[in-house]
């Protein structure tokens, strides 16, 4: 049995679907009742110790996804690792992030602390470090179609290696289900280096209407997202400031090796996801 935490989020659902495609037994931990592609569903609070113990009972492997932008991810991750060890879980695969060592991005730094705890735990582990998802553009589509603008709070020429979440999930299923990945740390990046301007141009060609990437000043973004919790807003702003200066680029070689094929291109993703 494989337990997937954060199973109701976009990452958890796709990982569960990939496991289901392999016929693997998976248990989904969700906060509220809902349908997810899993053999079993357990309800509970990710931060509750009794939930941890119940969810981990009889589990062979844990796919650990933490809540997005959680201010106490380092402590929560450590608690899950300790609970997995107490439950004699055979191995843990942690869903981290590309370049967790970047202290300027607080949520990356928190994930680095979880990685450190896992490495030192004595458990059989694998760490996956995905780049930004191609799917992140999907919430922008209504505005793109309505206004012909892809507005981003960083330079439109900043470079990225966007990765298809479907490929990330396929890699996750592989490392969970086959031997040979103990102690591995895999960066998962897509096969292209693209700016937001180049992504906008590809979207324009796909939907057959003009689309321009537009830089939204960070102060304007902060104002329009004042409803977000302060930690989330400040952490996202720090991430965007980092992107503005450095971009977010890595090699697709590890992902291609895991998939045993070329990772999906941005055009492949659009053909599948964008009507």
Protein backbone atom coordinates (compact mmCIF):
# COMPACT_ATOMS: atom_id res chain seq x y z
CA UNK A 1 0.00 0.00 0.00
CA UNK A 2 1.25 3.47 -0.95
CA UNK A 3 0.03 6.49 1.01
CA UNK A 4 -0.20 9.81 -0.83
CA UNK A 5 -0.60 12.90 1.35
CA UNK A 6 -2.04 16.12 -0.05
CA UNK A 7 -4.06 13.81 -2.28
CA UNK A 8 -6.79 16.31 -3.15
CA UNK A 9 -4.39 18.84 -4.67
CA UNK A 10 -3.43 18.98 -8.33
CA UNK A 11 -0.16 17.09 -7.73
CA UNK A 12 -1.65 14.42 -5.49
CA UNK A 13 -4.49 13.64 -7.87
CA UNK A 14 -2.19 13.18 -10.85
CA UNK A 15 0.24 11.02 -8.85
CA UNK A 16 -2.66 8.84 -7.71
CA UNK A 17 -3.87 8.50 -11.30
CA UNK A 18 -0.38 7.41 -12.39
CA UNK A 19 -0.28 4.79 -9.64
CA UNK A 20 -3.76 3.62 -10.58
CA UNK A 21 -2.64 3.21 -14.19
CA UNK A 22 0.02 0.77 -12.92
CA UNK A 23 -2.54 -1.15 -10.87
CA UNK A 24 -0.89 -0.12 -7.61
CA UNK A 25 -2.83 0.00 -4.35
CA UNK A 26 -2.85 3.58 -3.09
CA UNK A 27 -4.35 5.27 -0.06
CA UNK A 28 -5.25 8.96 -0.33
CA UNK A 29 -5.15 11.31 2.63
CA UNK A 30 -7.64 14.14 2.16
CA UNK A 31 -9.03 16.79 4.47
CA UNK A 32 -12.66 16.65 3.29
CA UNK A 33 -14.75 13.90 1.65
CA UNK A 34 -14.17 13.78 -2.11
CA UNK A 35 -13.52 11.40 -4.97
CA UNK A 36 -9.90 10.76 -5.84
CA UNK A 37 -8.33 7.95 -7.93
CA UNK A 38 -7.29 5.76 -5.00
CA UNK A 39 -7.96 2.29 -3.60
CA UNK A 40 -8.68 3.81 -0.18
CA UNK A 41 -9.45 7.29 1.09
CA UNK A 42 -8.77 8.44 4.64
CA UNK A 43 -10.00 11.73 6.07
CA UNK A 44 -7.87 13.78 8.41
CA UNK A 45 -5.75 16.79 9.15
CA UNK A 46 -2.23 16.50 7.76
CA UNK A 47 -0.89 18.17 10.91
CA UNK A 48 -2.65 15.85 13.37
CA UNK A 49 -0.52 13.10 14.93
CA UNK A 50 -3.46 10.68 15.24
CA UNK A 51 -4.18 11.16 11.52
CA UNK A 52 -0.55 10.36 10.74
CA UNK A 53 -0.65 7.11 12.71
CA UNK A 54 -3.97 5.99 11.20
CA UNK A 55 -3.00 6.91 7.64
CA UNK A 56 0.35 5.11 7.86
CA UNK A 57 -1.01 1.85 9.28
CA UNK A 58 -0.11 -1.00 6.92
CA UNK A 59 1.65 1.32 4.47
CA UNK A 60 4.72 0.14 2.54
CA UNK A 61 5.67 3.48 0.97
CA UNK A 62 4.81 7.12 1.61
CA UNK A 63 4.61 9.78 -1.09
CA UNK A 64 4.94 12.92 0.99
CA UNK A 65 3.37 16.08 -0.42
CA UNK A 66 3.19 19.01 1.98
CA UNK A 67 0.58 21.80 1.80
CA UNK A 68 1.56 24.55 -0.61
CA UNK A 69 3.34 27.48 1.09
CA UNK A 70 2.94 26.04 4.60
CA UNK A 71 4.75 28.27 7.14
CA UNK A 72 5.78 25.26 9.23
CA UNK A 73 6.62 22.75 6.51
CA UNK A 74 9.99 21.89 8.04
CA UNK A 75 8.41 20.87 11.35
CA UNK A 76 5.43 19.15 9.71
CA UNK A 77 7.66 17.21 7.33
CA UNK A 78 9.84 16.10 10.24
CA UNK A 79 6.75 14.90 12.11
CA UNK A 80 5.64 12.80 9.11
CA UNK A 81 9.10 11.32 8.71
CA UNK A 82 9.17 10.38 12.40
CA UNK A 83 5.68 8.87 12.14
CA UNK A 84 6.70 6.88 9.04
CA UNK A 85 9.69 5.51 10.89
CA UNK A 86 7.56 4.59 13.90
CA UNK A 87 5.09 2.81 11.60
CA UNK A 88 7.92 0.82 9.94
CA UNK A 89 7.15 2.29 6.54
CA UNK A 90 9.57 0.73 4.06
CA UNK A 91 10.41 3.90 2.11
CA UNK A 92 9.54 7.57 1.68
CA UNK A 93 9.47 9.60 -1.52
CA UNK A 94 9.41 13.32 -0.80
CA UNK A 95 7.91 15.76 -3.30
CA UNK A 96 10.30 18.68 -2.92
CA UNK A 97 11.11 21.48 -5.37
CA UNK A 98 13.84 22.40 -7.83
CA UNK A 99 16.75 24.17 -6.09
CA UNK A 100 15.52 23.94 -2.48
CA UNK A 101 18.86 25.42 -1.38
CA UNK A 102 17.80 28.91 -2.53
CA UNK A 103 17.32 30.68 0.80
CA UNK A 104 15.81 33.73 -0.93
CA UNK A 105 12.68 31.63 -1.54
CA UNK A 106 11.41 30.72 1.94
CA UNK A 107 9.26 27.75 0.87
CA UNK A 108 12.26 26.26 -0.95
CA UNK A 109 14.37 26.65 2.16
CA UNK A 110 11.70 24.86 4.22
CA UNK A 111 11.75 21.96 1.79
CA UNK A 112 15.54 21.78 2.11
CA UNK A 113 15.10 21.29 5.85
CA UNK A 114 12.66 18.43 5.21
CA UNK A 115 15.16 16.88 2.79
CA UNK A 116 17.85 17.11 5.47
CA UNK A 117 15.62 15.39 8.03
CA UNK A 118 14.73 12.64 5.57
CA UNK A 119 18.35 12.02 4.55
CA UNK A 120 19.35 11.70 8.20
CA UNK A 121 16.33 9.57 9.20
CA UNK A 122 17.78 6.20 8.27
CA UNK A 123 14.74 5.52 6.05
CA UNK A 124 14.99 4.34 2.47
CA UNK A 125 14.24 7.54 0.57
CA UNK A 126 14.01 9.24 -2.81
CA UNK A 127 13.63 12.99 -3.31
CA UNK A 128 11.95 14.52 -6.37
CA UNK A 129 12.65 18.18 -7.19
CA UNK A 130 10.23 19.36 -9.89
CA UNK A 131 10.54 22.63 -11.78
CA UNK A 132 7.53 24.92 -12.20
CA UNK A 133 4.59 23.11 -13.80
CA UNK A 134 3.37 23.82 -17.31
CA UNK A 135 -0.09 23.52 -15.74
CA UNK A 136 0.53 26.78 -13.85
CA UNK A 137 -0.53 28.68 -16.97
CA UNK A 138 -4.02 27.15 -16.98
CA UNK A 139 -5.60 29.56 -14.43
CA UNK A 140 -4.47 32.44 -16.66
CA UNK A 141 -6.35 31.15 -19.71
CA UNK A 142 -9.66 33.00 -19.16
CA UNK A 143 -7.78 36.31 -18.92
CA UNK A 144 -5.54 35.37 -21.86
CA UNK A 145 -8.58 34.67 -24.02
CA UNK A 146 -10.47 37.74 -22.84
CA UNK A 147 -7.66 40.30 -22.95
CA UNK A 148 -4.88 38.77 -25.05
CA UNK A 149 -2.43 39.18 -22.16
CA UNK A 150 -0.42 36.74 -20.07
CA UNK A 151 0.37 38.85 -17.01
CA UNK A 152 3.26 37.69 -14.81
CA UNK A 153 4.85 39.43 -11.78
CA UNK A 154 8.41 39.09 -13.09
CA UNK A 155 10.35 39.92 -16.25
CA UNK A 156 8.72 38.42 -19.34
CA UNK A 157 12.16 37.39 -20.62
CA UNK A 158 13.09 35.46 -17.44
CA UNK A 159 13.84 31.85 -18.42
CA UNK A 160 12.21 28.66 -17.15
CA UNK A 161 12.30 24.90 -17.78
CA UNK A 162 8.59 24.19 -17.26
CA UNK A 163 7.70 20.55 -16.65
CA UNK A 164 4.49 18.71 -17.42
CA UNK A 165 2.86 17.51 -14.18
CA UNK A 166 1.85 14.32 -16.00
CA UNK A 167 5.57 13.58 -16.50
CA UNK A 168 6.30 14.33 -12.85
CA UNK A 169 3.58 11.89 -11.82
CA UNK A 170 4.92 9.23 -14.19
CA UNK A 171 8.37 9.64 -12.63
CA UNK A 172 6.87 9.47 -9.14
CA UNK A 173 5.11 6.21 -9.97
CA UNK A 174 8.33 4.74 -11.33
CA UNK A 175 10.42 5.53 -8.26
CA UNK A 176 7.64 4.25 -5.98
CA UNK A 177 7.13 0.98 -7.82
CA UNK A 178 10.54 -0.14 -9.05
CA UNK A 179 13.83 -0.80 -7.24
CA UNK A 180 17.04 1.13 -7.74
CA UNK A 181 16.09 4.62 -6.56
CA UNK A 182 17.20 4.46 -2.92
CA UNK A 183 19.05 7.60 -1.87
CA UNK A 184 18.42 9.30 -5.21
CA UNK A 185 17.67 13.02 -5.60
CA UNK A 186 16.18 13.77 -9.02
CA UNK A 187 15.65 17.17 -10.59
CA UNK A 188 12.56 17.06 -12.82
CA UNK A 189 12.62 19.74 -15.51
CA UNK A 190 11.07 19.98 -18.95
CA UNK A 191 12.97 19.74 -22.24
CA UNK A 192 12.82 23.42 -23.22
CA UNK A 193 14.11 26.71 -21.86
CA UNK A 194 11.31 29.20 -22.36
CA UNK A 195 10.51 32.74 -21.31
CA UNK A 196 6.98 33.89 -20.51
CA UNK A 197 7.07 35.80 -23.78
CA UNK A 198 7.88 32.60 -25.67
CA UNK A 199 5.17 30.68 -23.82
CA UNK A 200 2.68 33.43 -24.67
CA UNK A 201 3.67 33.18 -28.33
CA UNK A 202 3.10 29.42 -28.29
CA UNK A 203 -0.29 29.86 -26.62
CA UNK A 204 -1.20 32.49 -29.22
CA UNK A 205 -0.40 30.09 -32.05
CA UNK A 206 -2.39 27.33 -30.35
CA UNK A 207 -5.57 29.34 -29.63
CA UNK A 208 -5.18 31.39 -32.83
CA UNK A 209 -5.42 34.82 -31.31
CA UNK A 210 -2.80 37.41 -30.32
CA UNK A 211 -1.33 36.97 -26.85
CA UNK A 212 1.36 39.18 -25.29
CA UNK A 213 3.28 38.50 -22.09
CA UNK A 214 3.00 41.53 -19.81
CA UNK A 215 5.05 42.29 -16.71
CA UNK A 216 2.83 43.10 -13.74
CA UNK A 217 4.82 45.16 -11.19
CA UNK A 218 5.27 43.26 -7.95
CA UNK A 219 3.61 46.00 -5.88
CA UNK A 220 0.56 45.76 -8.13
CA UNK A 221 0.54 41.99 -7.74
CA UNK A 222 0.74 42.35 -3.94
CA UNK A 223 -2.21 44.78 -3.96
CA UNK A 224 -4.37 42.51 -6.12
CA UNK A 225 -3.56 39.54 -3.86
CA UNK A 226 -4.08 41.28 -0.52
CA UNK A 227 -6.65 38.60 0.36
CA UNK A 228 -3.96 35.92 0.65
CA UNK A 229 -2.50 34.99 4.05
CA UNK A 230 0.54 37.18 4.77
CA UNK A 231 3.02 34.27 4.71
CA UNK A 232 1.69 33.01 1.39
CA UNK A 233 1.71 36.46 -0.19
CA UNK A 234 5.20 37.32 1.05
CA UNK A 235 6.61 33.94 0.07
CA UNK A 236 5.16 34.14 -3.44
CA UNK A 237 6.48 37.68 -3.80
CA UNK A 238 9.96 36.50 -2.79
CA UNK A 239 9.75 33.71 -5.36
CA UNK A 240 8.70 36.12 -8.10
CA UNK A 241 11.54 38.50 -7.21
CA UNK A 242 13.97 35.57 -7.53
CA UNK A 243 12.48 34.58 -10.89
CA UNK A 244 12.79 38.16 -12.07
CA UNK A 245 16.55 38.12 -11.51
CA UNK A 246 17.54 34.50 -12.02
CA UNK A 247 14.80 32.60 -13.81
CA UNK A 248 14.32 28.91 -12.96
CA UNK A 249 16.17 26.60 -15.36
CA UNK A 250 17.51 23.05 -15.07
CA UNK A 251 18.39 20.06 -17.25
CA UNK A 252 15.73 17.62 -18.44
CA UNK A 253 18.24 14.73 -18.49
CA UNK A 254 17.20 13.15 -15.14
CA UNK A 255 13.51 13.20 -16.09
CA UNK A 256 14.18 11.75 -19.54
CA UNK A 257 16.22 8.96 -17.93
CA UNK A 258 13.40 8.16 -15.50
CA UNK A 259 10.70 8.22 -18.17
CA UNK A 260 12.86 6.40 -20.74
CA UNK A 261 11.56 8.89 -23.31
CA UNK A 262 11.73 12.59 -24.06
CA UNK A 263 9.72 14.66 -21.56
CA UNK A 264 6.66 16.44 -22.92
CA UNK A 265 7.22 19.75 -24.66
CA UNK A 266 5.12 22.84 -23.97
CA UNK A 267 3.41 22.23 -27.33
CA UNK A 268 2.60 18.63 -26.27
CA UNK A 269 1.08 19.96 -23.07
CA UNK A 270 -1.04 22.56 -24.87
CA UNK A 271 -2.31 20.01 -27.38
CA UNK A 272 -3.52 17.82 -24.50
CA UNK A 273 -4.75 20.46 -22.05
CA UNK A 274 -5.74 23.63 -23.91
CA UNK A 275 -8.76 23.48 -26.19
